[in-house]
Amino acid sequence: MTAQTCPRQHQRTTMEIASLEPSLYTVKAVFILDNDGNRLLSKYYDTELYPSMKEQKNFEKNVFNKTHKADTDEIAFVEGMTIVYKCSIDLFFYVVGSAQENELMLMAVLNCLFESLGQILRKNVERRCLLDNMDGVFLVVDEIIDGGVILESDPQQVIQKVNYRLDGSEQAYGLGLFDYIVGNIDEQTDRSQCA
């Protein structure tokens, strides 16, 4: 009986140590709620955490109910998750990590998100402006986090990358390529009609 107990305890201890090892997959979720707790944006990077929309919304409601009365940036522990959050006028910004995640890393992501959105929204970080610029908001989130991995924590770099992606030169290149392809098809059509 002792021989069976020891391997199980050793296995459990090994698994616990493995779960504490550092990982690039730092962020479990990011979401933005309005002052009524309604979802405006959410991205869950750990599909096993809350696999259904209903579970995600219940988690967000629970987090909102425990955090919406705070006046300052805070750290909360809800449902075994580390959550850093910030409020601005009528918005609440949340970054979620595992229970043992470094709060400073999560706070760096939160600050980068908030400052980047502040620049994109021209310091009007409020519900109406956020909804009017959702394409840029999603680009900002995607430039900061990819699949739970933190890519960038410098707001200036994020803005530069987002501006490049939204820049007319990229669109002009796409239109130029389109015109080139259409022009070649037209030339080939003209040649085949002449023959």
N, C-alpha and C. Protein backbone atom coordinates (compact mmCIF):
# COMPACT_ATOMS: atom_id res chain seq x y z
N MET A 1 0.82 -1.19 0.00
CA MET A 1 0.00 0.00 0.00
C MET A 1 0.87 1.26 0.00
N THR A 2 1.95 1.21 0.73
CA THR A 2 2.85 2.37 0.75
C THR A 2 3.52 2.57 -0.59
N ALA A 3 3.83 1.48 -1.27
CA ALA A 3 4.48 1.58 -2.57
C ALA A 3 3.57 2.24 -3.59
N GLN A 4 2.26 2.00 -3.46
CA GLN A 4 1.32 2.61 -4.41
C GLN A 4 1.11 4.08 -4.09
N THR A 5 1.13 4.43 -2.83
CA THR A 5 0.89 5.81 -2.43
C THR A 5 2.05 6.71 -2.85
N CYS A 6 3.26 6.26 -2.65
CA CYS A 6 4.43 7.08 -2.97
C CYS A 6 4.51 7.48 -4.44
N PRO A 7 4.34 6.54 -5.41
CA PRO A 7 4.40 6.98 -6.80
C PRO A 7 3.31 8.01 -7.14
N ARG A 8 2.15 7.86 -6.57
CA ARG A 8 1.08 8.83 -6.84
C ARG A 8 1.44 10.20 -6.28
N GLN A 9 1.98 10.21 -5.05
CA GLN A 9 2.37 11.48 -4.48
C GLN A 9 3.50 12.11 -5.27
N HIS A 10 4.45 11.28 -5.70
CA HIS A 10 5.56 11.78 -6.52
C HIS A 10 5.03 12.33 -7.84
N GLN A 11 4.08 11.62 -8.45
CA GLN A 11 3.51 12.07 -9.72
C GLN A 11 2.79 13.40 -9.53
N ARG A 12 2.00 13.52 -8.47
CA ARG A 12 1.26 14.76 -8.23
C ARG A 12 2.24 15.90 -7.97
N THR A 13 3.29 15.67 -7.21
CA THR A 13 4.28 16.71 -6.93
C THR A 13 4.97 17.14 -8.22
N THR A 14 5.32 16.19 -9.07
CA THR A 14 5.95 16.50 -10.35
C THR A 14 5.03 17.34 -11.22
N MET A 15 3.74 17.00 -11.24
CA MET A 15 2.77 17.76 -12.04
C MET A 15 2.61 19.16 -11.49
N GLU A 16 2.59 19.30 -10.15
CA GLU A 16 2.47 20.63 -9.54
C GLU A 16 3.68 21.49 -9.88
N ILE A 17 4.87 20.90 -9.84
CA ILE A 17 6.09 21.64 -10.19
C ILE A 17 6.06 22.04 -11.66
N ALA A 18 5.62 21.14 -12.52
CA ALA A 18 5.55 21.44 -13.96
C ALA A 18 4.59 22.60 -14.22
N SER A 19 3.50 22.67 -13.46
CA SER A 19 2.55 23.76 -13.70
C SER A 19 3.09 25.09 -13.20
N LEU A 20 4.10 25.08 -12.33
CA LEU A 20 4.69 26.31 -11.83
C LEU A 20 5.86 26.80 -12.68
N GLU A 21 6.31 25.97 -13.63
CA GLU A 21 7.42 26.38 -14.48
C GLU A 21 7.01 27.56 -15.34
N PRO A 22 7.93 28.46 -15.64
CA PRO A 22 7.61 29.63 -16.45
C PRO A 22 7.12 29.22 -17.84
N SER A 23 6.23 30.01 -18.37
CA SER A 23 5.67 29.73 -19.69
C SER A 23 5.49 31.05 -20.44
N LEU A 24 5.55 30.98 -21.74
CA LEU A 24 5.26 32.16 -22.55
C LEU A 24 3.78 32.49 -22.55
N TYR A 25 2.95 31.47 -22.30
CA TYR A 25 1.50 31.65 -22.31
C TYR A 25 1.05 32.27 -20.99
N THR A 26 1.21 33.56 -20.90
CA THR A 26 0.99 34.29 -19.66
C THR A 26 -0.46 34.72 -19.48
N VAL A 27 -1.10 35.19 -20.55
CA VAL A 27 -2.44 35.77 -20.47
C VAL A 27 -3.48 34.71 -20.83
N LYS A 28 -4.44 34.55 -19.93
CA LYS A 28 -5.53 33.60 -20.17
C LYS A 28 -6.70 34.27 -20.89
N ALA A 29 -6.92 35.56 -20.59
CA ALA A 29 -8.04 36.27 -21.21
C ALA A 29 -7.86 37.77 -21.05
N VAL A 30 -8.50 38.51 -21.95
CA VAL A 30 -8.58 39.96 -21.87
C VAL A 30 -10.03 40.31 -22.18
N PHE A 31 -10.62 41.19 -21.37
CA PHE A 31 -11.96 41.65 -21.71
C PHE A 31 -12.20 43.06 -21.21
N ILE A 32 -13.10 43.73 -21.92
CA ILE A 32 -13.49 45.10 -21.58
C ILE A 32 -15.00 45.08 -21.38
N LEU A 33 -15.43 45.61 -20.24
CA LEU A 33 -16.86 45.67 -19.91
C LEU A 33 -17.27 47.13 -19.73
N ASP A 34 -18.54 47.40 -19.96
CA ASP A 34 -19.04 48.75 -19.69
C ASP A 34 -19.40 48.85 -18.21
N ASN A 35 -19.90 50.01 -17.78
CA ASN A 35 -20.16 50.21 -16.34
C ASN A 35 -21.38 49.44 -15.83
N ASP A 36 -22.08 48.73 -16.71
CA ASP A 36 -23.15 47.84 -16.29
C ASP A 36 -22.71 46.38 -16.29
N GLY A 37 -21.46 46.13 -16.65
CA GLY A 37 -20.93 44.78 -16.69
C GLY A 37 -21.19 44.05 -17.99
N ASN A 38 -21.62 44.78 -19.02
CA ASN A 38 -21.86 44.17 -20.33
C ASN A 38 -20.57 44.09 -21.12
N ARG A 39 -20.40 42.99 -21.82
CA ARG A 39 -19.19 42.74 -22.60
C ARG A 39 -19.14 43.65 -23.83
N LEU A 40 -18.00 44.32 -24.01
CA LEU A 40 -17.75 45.10 -25.22
C LEU A 40 -16.70 44.40 -26.08
N LEU A 41 -15.75 43.76 -25.43
CA LEU A 41 -14.70 43.02 -26.13
C LEU A 41 -14.21 41.93 -25.19
N SER A 42 -13.96 40.76 -25.76
CA SER A 42 -13.33 39.71 -24.95
C SER A 42 -12.55 38.78 -25.85
N LYS A 43 -11.43 38.34 -25.34
CA LYS A 43 -10.60 37.34 -26.03
C LYS A 43 -10.11 36.36 -24.97
N TYR A 44 -10.45 35.10 -25.17
CA TYR A 44 -10.00 34.05 -24.27
C TYR A 44 -8.95 33.23 -25.01
N TYR A 45 -7.77 33.14 -24.42
CA TYR A 45 -6.66 32.46 -25.07
C TYR A 45 -6.51 31.02 -24.62
N ASP A 46 -7.08 30.68 -23.48
CA ASP A 46 -7.05 29.32 -22.96
C ASP A 46 -8.44 28.72 -23.20
N THR A 47 -8.57 27.90 -24.22
CA THR A 47 -9.88 27.37 -24.60
C THR A 47 -10.46 26.42 -23.57
N GLU A 48 -9.62 25.87 -22.71
CA GLU A 48 -10.12 24.96 -21.68
C GLU A 48 -10.63 25.72 -20.46
N LEU A 49 -10.25 26.96 -20.31
CA LEU A 49 -10.62 27.74 -19.13
C LEU A 49 -12.14 27.92 -19.04
N TYR A 50 -12.72 28.53 -20.02
CA TYR A 50 -14.17 28.71 -20.10
C TYR A 50 -14.56 28.46 -21.55
N PRO A 51 -14.85 27.21 -21.91
CA PRO A 51 -15.05 26.86 -23.32
C PRO A 51 -16.31 27.43 -23.97
N SER A 52 -17.36 27.67 -23.19
CA SER A 52 -18.60 28.15 -23.81
C SER A 52 -18.80 29.64 -23.54
N MET A 53 -19.59 30.26 -24.38
CA MET A 53 -19.92 31.68 -24.24
C MET A 53 -20.61 31.93 -22.90
N LYS A 54 -21.47 31.01 -22.51
CA LYS A 54 -22.21 31.16 -21.25
C LYS A 54 -21.26 31.16 -20.07
N GLU A 55 -20.29 30.24 -20.07
CA GLU A 55 -19.31 30.19 -18.99
C GLU A 55 -18.45 31.45 -18.95
N GLN A 56 -18.08 31.96 -20.13
CA GLN A 56 -17.29 33.18 -20.20
C GLN A 56 -18.06 34.36 -19.61
N LYS A 57 -19.32 34.50 -20.02
CA LYS A 57 -20.13 35.62 -19.52
C LYS A 57 -20.38 35.51 -18.03
N ASN A 58 -20.57 34.30 -17.51
CA ASN A 58 -20.74 34.11 -16.07
C ASN A 58 -19.47 34.52 -15.32
N PHE A 59 -18.32 34.13 -15.86
CA PHE A 59 -17.04 34.51 -15.26
C PHE A 59 -16.89 36.03 -15.27
N GLU A 60 -17.18 36.66 -16.39
CA GLU A 60 -17.07 38.12 -16.51
C GLU A 60 -18.00 38.83 -15.53
N LYS A 61 -19.22 38.33 -15.39
CA LYS A 61 -20.18 38.91 -14.45
C LYS A 61 -19.66 38.79 -13.02
N ASN A 62 -19.13 37.62 -12.70
CA ASN A 62 -18.58 37.38 -11.37
C ASN A 62 -17.41 38.32 -11.09
N VAL A 63 -16.52 38.46 -12.05
CA VAL A 63 -15.37 39.37 -11.91
C VAL A 63 -15.87 40.80 -11.75
N PHE A 64 -16.80 41.21 -12.59
CA PHE A 64 -17.33 42.58 -12.52
C PHE A 64 -17.96 42.85 -11.16
N ASN A 65 -18.77 41.92 -10.66
CA ASN A 65 -19.44 42.11 -9.37
C ASN A 65 -18.44 42.27 -8.23
N LYS A 66 -17.27 41.63 -8.33
CA LYS A 66 -16.27 41.73 -7.27
C LYS A 66 -15.34 42.91 -7.43
N THR A 67 -15.35 43.56 -8.60
CA THR A 67 -14.35 44.61 -8.84
C THR A 67 -14.92 45.98 -9.18
N HIS A 68 -16.17 46.10 -9.53
CA HIS A 68 -16.67 47.36 -10.08
C HIS A 68 -16.75 48.51 -9.08
N LYS A 69 -16.64 48.25 -7.80
CA LYS A 69 -16.74 49.32 -6.81
C LYS A 69 -15.39 49.95 -6.49
N ALA A 70 -14.31 49.40 -7.03
CA ALA A 70 -12.97 49.93 -6.74
C ALA A 70 -12.74 51.22 -7.52
N ASP A 71 -12.04 52.14 -6.88
CA ASP A 71 -11.75 53.43 -7.51
C ASP A 71 -10.39 53.46 -8.18
N THR A 72 -9.54 52.52 -7.87
CA THR A 72 -8.18 52.53 -8.40
C THR A 72 -7.88 51.23 -9.13
N ASP A 73 -6.70 51.18 -9.74
CA ASP A 73 -6.24 49.94 -10.37
C ASP A 73 -6.01 48.93 -9.25
N GLU A 74 -6.41 47.73 -9.50
CA GLU A 74 -6.33 46.72 -8.46
C GLU A 74 -5.92 45.38 -9.02
N ILE A 75 -5.70 44.46 -8.09
CA ILE A 75 -5.46 43.06 -8.42
C ILE A 75 -6.50 42.26 -7.65
N ALA A 76 -7.12 41.31 -8.33
CA ALA A 76 -8.13 40.47 -7.68
C ALA A 76 -7.81 39.01 -7.96
N PHE A 77 -8.30 38.16 -7.08
CA PHE A 77 -8.18 36.72 -7.27
C PHE A 77 -9.59 36.17 -7.28
N VAL A 78 -10.04 35.75 -8.46
CA VAL A 78 -11.41 35.26 -8.63
C VAL A 78 -11.36 33.91 -9.33
N GLU A 79 -12.05 32.94 -8.77
CA GLU A 79 -12.14 31.59 -9.34
C GLU A 79 -10.77 31.01 -9.66
N GLY A 80 -9.81 31.26 -8.79
CA GLY A 80 -8.48 30.70 -8.96
C GLY A 80 -7.66 31.39 -10.03
N MET A 81 -8.06 32.58 -10.44
CA MET A 81 -7.35 33.33 -11.48
C MET A 81 -6.84 34.65 -10.89
N THR A 82 -5.69 35.11 -11.39
CA THR A 82 -5.16 36.42 -11.03
C THR A 82 -5.70 37.41 -12.05
N ILE A 83 -6.32 38.47 -11.58
CA ILE A 83 -6.94 39.44 -12.48
C ILE A 83 -6.45 40.84 -12.11
N VAL A 84 -5.92 41.54 -13.10
CA VAL A 84 -5.57 42.95 -12.90
C VAL A 84 -6.58 43.76 -13.70
N TYR A 85 -6.96 44.90 -13.15
CA TYR A 85 -8.00 45.68 -13.82
C TYR A 85 -7.84 47.16 -13.59
N LYS A 86 -8.48 47.90 -14.47
CA LYS A 86 -8.41 49.36 -14.46
C LYS A 86 -9.77 49.86 -14.93
N CYS A 87 -10.22 50.97 -14.33
CA CYS A 87 -11.48 51.56 -14.79
C CYS A 87 -11.21 52.95 -15.35
N SER A 88 -12.05 53.33 -16.31
CA SER A 88 -11.93 54.64 -16.93
C SER A 88 -13.32 55.10 -17.36
N ILE A 89 -13.81 56.13 -16.76
CA ILE A 89 -15.12 56.71 -17.04
C ILE A 89 -16.20 55.63 -16.96
N ASP A 90 -16.55 55.02 -18.09
CA ASP A 90 -17.61 54.00 -18.09
C ASP A 90 -17.13 52.66 -18.64
N LEU A 91 -15.82 52.40 -18.50
CA LEU A 91 -15.23 51.15 -18.99
C LEU A 91 -14.39 50.49 -17.90
N PHE A 92 -14.36 49.16 -17.95
CA PHE A 92 -13.51 48.37 -17.08
C PHE A 92 -12.65 47.46 -17.95
N PHE A 93 -11.35 47.52 -17.77
CA PHE A 93 -10.39 46.73 -18.53
C PHE A 93 -9.84 45.63 -17.63
N TYR A 94 -9.83 44.39 -18.13
CA TYR A 94 -9.37 43.25 -17.34
C TYR A 94 -8.35 42.43 -18.12
N VAL A 95 -7.31 42.00 -17.42
CA VAL A 95 -6.34 41.05 -17.96
C VAL A 95 -6.27 39.90 -16.96
N VAL A 96 -6.45 38.68 -17.45
CA VAL A 96 -6.56 37.49 -16.59
C VAL A 96 -5.36 36.58 -16.82
N GLY A 97 -4.80 36.09 -15.72
CA GLY A 97 -3.72 35.11 -15.77
C GLY A 97 -3.99 34.00 -14.78
N SER A 98 -3.15 33.01 -14.75
CA SER A 98 -3.33 31.90 -13.82
C SER A 98 -3.05 32.37 -12.39
N ALA A 99 -3.35 31.53 -11.42
CA ALA A 99 -3.20 31.90 -10.01
C ALA A 99 -1.76 32.23 -9.65
N GLN A 100 -0.79 31.56 -10.26
CA GLN A 100 0.61 31.80 -9.93
C GLN A 100 1.29 32.78 -10.89
N GLU A 101 0.53 33.43 -11.74
CA GLU A 101 1.12 34.35 -12.72
C GLU A 101 1.64 35.61 -12.04
N ASN A 102 2.68 36.17 -12.61
CA ASN A 102 3.31 37.39 -12.12
C ASN A 102 2.38 38.58 -12.38
N GLU A 103 1.96 39.22 -11.30
CA GLU A 103 1.03 40.35 -11.42
C GLU A 103 1.64 41.52 -12.18
N LEU A 104 2.96 41.68 -12.06
CA LEU A 104 3.62 42.78 -12.76
C LEU A 104 3.58 42.60 -14.27
N MET A 105 3.70 41.36 -14.73
CA MET A 105 3.59 41.08 -16.17
C MET A 105 2.18 41.39 -16.66
N LEU A 106 1.20 40.95 -15.90
CA LEU A 106 -0.20 41.21 -16.28
C LEU A 106 -0.49 42.71 -16.25
N MET A 107 0.06 43.40 -15.26
CA MET A 107 -0.15 44.85 -15.17
C MET A 107 0.52 45.58 -16.33
N ALA A 108 1.67 45.09 -16.79
CA ALA A 108 2.33 45.69 -17.95
C ALA A 108 1.45 45.57 -19.19
N VAL A 109 0.79 44.43 -19.35
CA VAL A 109 -0.14 44.23 -20.48
C VAL A 109 -1.32 45.18 -20.35
N LEU A 110 -1.89 45.26 -19.15
CA LEU A 110 -3.03 46.14 -18.92
C LEU A 110 -2.68 47.60 -19.20
N ASN A 111 -1.55 48.06 -18.70
CA ASN A 111 -1.14 49.45 -18.92
C ASN A 111 -0.88 49.72 -20.39
N CYS A 112 -0.26 48.77 -21.08
CA CYS A 112 -0.01 48.93 -22.50
C CYS A 112 -1.32 49.02 -23.27
N LEU A 113 -2.26 48.16 -22.94
CA LEU A 113 -3.58 48.18 -23.58
C LEU A 113 -4.26 49.52 -23.35
N PHE A 114 -4.27 49.97 -22.12
CA PHE A 114 -4.96 51.21 -21.77
C PHE A 114 -4.31 52.43 -22.44
N GLU A 115 -2.98 52.50 -22.38
CA GLU A 115 -2.29 53.66 -22.98
C GLU A 115 -2.39 53.64 -24.50
N SER A 116 -2.32 52.48 -25.11
CA SER A 116 -2.45 52.37 -26.57
C SER A 116 -3.84 52.81 -27.00
N LEU A 117 -4.86 52.35 -26.29
CA LEU A 117 -6.22 52.76 -26.63
C LEU A 117 -6.42 54.25 -26.38
N GLY A 118 -5.78 54.76 -25.35
CA GLY A 118 -5.86 56.20 -25.08
C GLY A 118 -5.32 57.01 -26.25
N GLN A 119 -4.26 56.54 -26.88
CA GLN A 119 -3.71 57.24 -28.04
C GLN A 119 -4.61 57.09 -29.26
N ILE A 120 -5.09 55.89 -29.49
CA ILE A 120 -5.96 55.67 -30.65
C ILE A 120 -7.27 56.44 -30.52
N LEU A 121 -7.81 56.48 -29.30
CA LEU A 121 -9.09 57.15 -29.08
C LEU A 121 -8.91 58.62 -28.71
N ARG A 122 -7.71 59.12 -28.85
CA ARG A 122 -7.39 60.53 -28.56
C ARG A 122 -7.82 60.93 -27.16
N LYS A 123 -7.43 60.11 -26.19
CA LYS A 123 -7.68 60.33 -24.76
C LYS A 123 -9.15 60.22 -24.37
N ASN A 124 -10.04 59.86 -25.30
CA ASN A 124 -11.46 59.65 -24.98
C ASN A 124 -11.73 58.17 -24.75
N VAL A 125 -11.16 57.64 -23.69
CA VAL A 125 -11.32 56.22 -23.40
C VAL A 125 -12.67 56.04 -22.70
N GLU A 126 -13.70 56.00 -23.52
CA GLU A 126 -15.06 55.82 -23.02
C GLU A 126 -15.83 54.91 -23.98
N ARG A 127 -16.97 54.45 -23.52
CA ARG A 127 -17.74 53.43 -24.23
C ARG A 127 -18.04 53.81 -25.69
N ARG A 128 -18.58 54.98 -25.90
CA ARG A 128 -19.00 55.39 -27.24
C ARG A 128 -17.82 55.42 -28.21
N CYS A 129 -16.71 56.03 -27.80
CA CYS A 129 -15.52 56.11 -28.65
C CYS A 129 -14.95 54.72 -28.91
N LEU A 130 -14.97 53.87 -27.89
CA LEU A 130 -14.46 52.51 -28.05
C LEU A 130 -15.28 51.76 -29.08
N LEU A 131 -16.60 51.85 -28.99
CA LEU A 131 -17.47 51.15 -29.94
C LEU A 131 -17.31 51.69 -31.36
N ASP A 132 -17.07 52.99 -31.49
CA ASP A 132 -16.89 53.58 -32.81
C ASP A 132 -15.57 53.17 -33.47
N ASN A 133 -14.63 52.68 -32.67
CA ASN A 133 -13.30 52.34 -33.19
C ASN A 133 -12.91 50.90 -32.87
N MET A 134 -13.86 49.98 -32.93
CA MET A 134 -13.59 48.59 -32.54
C MET A 134 -12.53 47.92 -33.40
N ASP A 135 -12.45 48.27 -34.68
CA ASP A 135 -11.43 47.64 -35.53
C ASP A 135 -10.03 47.96 -35.00
N GLY A 136 -9.80 49.21 -34.62
CA GLY A 136 -8.51 49.60 -34.05
C GLY A 136 -8.28 48.97 -32.68
N VAL A 137 -9.34 48.82 -31.90
CA VAL A 137 -9.23 48.21 -30.57
C VAL A 137 -8.78 46.75 -30.71
N PHE A 138 -9.38 46.01 -31.64
CA PHE A 138 -8.99 44.63 -31.86
C PHE A 138 -7.54 44.53 -32.35
N LEU A 139 -7.15 45.46 -33.21
CA LEU A 139 -5.76 45.47 -33.67
C LEU A 139 -4.79 45.70 -32.52
N VAL A 140 -5.13 46.61 -31.63
CA VAL A 140 -4.28 46.88 -30.47
C VAL A 140 -4.13 45.61 -29.63
N VAL A 141 -5.23 44.95 -29.33
CA VAL A 141 -5.17 43.72 -28.52
C VAL A 141 -4.32 42.67 -29.22
N ASP A 142 -4.50 42.53 -30.54
CA ASP A 142 -3.74 41.54 -31.29
C ASP A 142 -2.25 41.86 -31.37
N GLU A 143 -1.89 43.13 -31.32
CA GLU A 143 -0.48 43.50 -31.34
C GLU A 143 0.18 43.28 -29.98
N ILE A 144 -0.61 43.32 -28.91
CA ILE A 144 -0.06 43.14 -27.56
C ILE A 144 0.03 41.66 -27.21
N ILE A 145 -1.01 40.88 -27.56
CA ILE A 145 -1.08 39.47 -27.16
C ILE A 145 -1.43 38.62 -28.36
N ASP A 146 -0.75 37.50 -28.49
CA ASP A 146 -1.07 36.54 -29.54
C ASP A 146 -1.16 35.15 -28.91
N GLY A 147 -2.36 34.62 -28.84
CA GLY A 147 -2.55 33.29 -28.29
C GLY A 147 -2.17 33.15 -26.83
N GLY A 148 -2.18 34.24 -26.09
CA GLY A 148 -1.81 34.21 -24.68
C GLY A 148 -0.36 34.60 -24.43
N VAL A 149 0.42 34.77 -25.50
CA VAL A 149 1.82 35.17 -25.39
C VAL A 149 1.89 36.69 -25.52
N ILE A 150 2.60 37.30 -24.60
CA ILE A 150 2.78 38.76 -24.65
C ILE A 150 3.80 39.09 -25.72
N LEU A 151 3.36 39.84 -26.73
CA LEU A 151 4.26 40.23 -27.81
C LEU A 151 4.89 41.59 -27.57
N GLU A 152 4.14 42.49 -26.97
CA GLU A 152 4.61 43.87 -26.83
C GLU A 152 4.02 44.49 -25.58
N SER A 153 4.81 45.29 -24.88
CA SER A 153 4.29 46.00 -23.71
C SER A 153 4.60 47.49 -23.77
N ASP A 154 5.11 47.94 -24.91
CA ASP A 154 5.41 49.36 -25.11
C ASP A 154 4.31 49.97 -25.98
N PRO A 155 3.50 50.87 -25.42
CA PRO A 155 2.39 51.45 -26.18
C PRO A 155 2.81 52.14 -27.48
N GLN A 156 4.01 52.77 -27.49
CA GLN A 156 4.47 53.45 -28.70
C GLN A 156 4.70 52.44 -29.84
N GLN A 157 5.27 51.29 -29.50
CA GLN A 157 5.49 50.25 -30.51
C GLN A 157 4.16 49.70 -31.01
N VAL A 158 3.22 49.52 -30.11
CA VAL A 158 1.90 49.00 -30.51
C VAL A 158 1.22 49.97 -31.46
N ILE A 159 1.23 51.26 -31.12
CA ILE A 159 0.61 52.28 -31.97
C ILE A 159 1.28 52.32 -33.33
N GLN A 160 2.60 52.23 -33.34
CA GLN A 160 3.34 52.24 -34.61
C GLN A 160 2.92 51.06 -35.49
N LYS A 161 2.81 49.88 -34.91
CA LYS A 161 2.41 48.69 -35.68
C LYS A 161 0.97 48.78 -36.14
N VAL A 162 0.09 49.28 -35.29
CA VAL A 162 -1.32 49.42 -35.67
C VAL A 162 -1.45 50.44 -36.78
N ASN A 163 -0.75 51.56 -36.66
CA ASN A 163 -0.80 52.58 -37.72
C ASN A 163 -0.28 52.03 -39.04
N TYR A 164 0.75 51.19 -38.98
CA TYR A 164 1.27 50.59 -40.21
C TYR A 164 0.21 49.70 -40.85
N ARG A 165 -0.47 48.92 -40.02
CA ARG A 165 -1.50 48.02 -40.55
C ARG A 165 -2.69 48.78 -41.11
N LEU A 166 -2.99 49.95 -40.53
CA LEU A 166 -4.11 50.75 -41.00
C LEU A 166 -3.69 51.76 -42.06
N ASP A 167 -2.38 51.89 -42.28
CA ASP A 167 -1.84 52.90 -43.18
C ASP A 167 -2.34 52.70 -44.61
N GLY A 168 -2.54 53.80 -45.30
CA GLY A 168 -3.01 53.75 -46.68
C GLY A 168 -2.00 53.12 -47.62
N SER A 169 -0.70 53.15 -47.27
CA SER A 169 0.30 52.58 -48.18
C SER A 169 0.11 51.08 -48.32
N GLU A 170 -0.29 50.40 -47.24
CA GLU A 170 -0.54 48.97 -47.33
C GLU A 170 -1.77 48.72 -48.20
N GLN A 171 -2.81 49.55 -48.03
CA GLN A 171 -4.01 49.42 -48.84
C GLN A 171 -3.69 49.77 -50.29
N ALA A 172 -2.88 50.81 -50.48
CA ALA A 172 -2.52 51.20 -51.85
C ALA A 172 -1.76 50.08 -52.53
N TYR A 173 -0.86 49.42 -51.80
CA TYR A 173 -0.13 48.30 -52.36
C TYR A 173 -1.10 47.20 -52.79
N GLY A 174 -2.09 46.92 -51.92
CA GLY A 174 -3.09 45.91 -52.26
C GLY A 174 -3.87 46.29 -53.50
N LEU A 175 -4.24 47.57 -53.61
CA LEU A 175 -4.99 48.02 -54.80
C LEU A 175 -4.09 47.99 -56.02
N GLY A 176 -2.82 48.35 -55.86
CA GLY A 176 -1.90 48.30 -56.99
C GLY A 176 -1.72 46.88 -57.49
N LEU A 177 -1.61 45.94 -56.60
CA LEU A 177 -1.49 44.54 -56.98
C LEU A 177 -2.76 44.09 -57.69
N PHE A 178 -3.92 44.51 -57.17
CA PHE A 178 -5.20 44.17 -57.79
C PHE A 178 -5.27 44.74 -59.21
N ASP A 179 -4.89 46.00 -59.37
CA ASP A 179 -4.91 46.64 -60.70
C ASP A 179 -3.96 45.92 -61.65
N TYR A 180 -2.79 45.51 -61.17
CA TYR A 180 -1.83 44.81 -61.99
C TYR A 180 -2.41 43.48 -62.49
N ILE A 181 -3.02 42.73 -61.58
CA ILE A 181 -3.61 41.44 -61.95
C ILE A 181 -4.74 41.64 -62.96
N VAL A 182 -5.63 42.59 -62.68
CA VAL A 182 -6.75 42.86 -63.60
C VAL A 182 -6.23 43.33 -64.95
N GLY A 183 -5.19 44.19 -64.93
CA GLY A 183 -4.61 44.68 -66.18
C GLY A 183 -4.04 43.55 -67.01
N ASN A 184 -3.35 42.61 -66.37
CA ASN A 184 -2.80 41.46 -67.10
C ASN A 184 -3.91 40.58 -67.66
N ILE A 185 -4.97 40.40 -66.92
CA ILE A 185 -6.09 39.59 -67.41
C ILE A 185 -6.73 40.27 -68.62
N ASP A 186 -6.88 41.60 -68.53
CA ASP A 186 -7.46 42.34 -69.66
C ASP A 186 -6.58 42.23 -70.90
N GLU A 187 -5.23 42.34 -70.73
CA GLU A 187 -4.31 42.22 -71.86
C GLU A 187 -4.38 40.84 -72.49
N GLN A 188 -4.45 39.81 -71.63
CA GLN A 188 -4.55 38.44 -72.15
C GLN A 188 -5.86 38.23 -72.89
N THR A 189 -6.93 38.83 -72.40
CA THR A 189 -8.23 38.72 -73.06
C THR A 189 -8.19 39.40 -74.42
N ASP A 190 -7.56 40.60 -74.46
CA ASP A 190 -7.45 41.34 -75.73
C ASP A 190 -6.63 40.54 -76.74
N ARG A 191 -5.53 39.92 -76.30
CA ARG A 191 -4.70 39.14 -77.18
C ARG A 191 -5.45 37.94 -77.74
N SER A 192 -6.21 37.27 -76.85
CA SER A 192 -6.93 36.06 -77.32
C SER A 192 -8.04 36.44 -78.30
N GLN A 193 -8.63 37.61 -78.13
CA GLN A 193 -9.67 38.05 -79.07
C GLN A 193 -9.08 38.43 -80.41
N CYS A 194 -7.84 38.95 -80.42
CA CYS A 194 -7.18 39.33 -81.67
C CYS A 194 -6.74 38.11 -82.47
N ALA A 195 -6.45 37.01 -81.80
CA ALA A 195 -5.92 35.83 -82.47
C ALA A 195 -6.96 35.04 -83.15
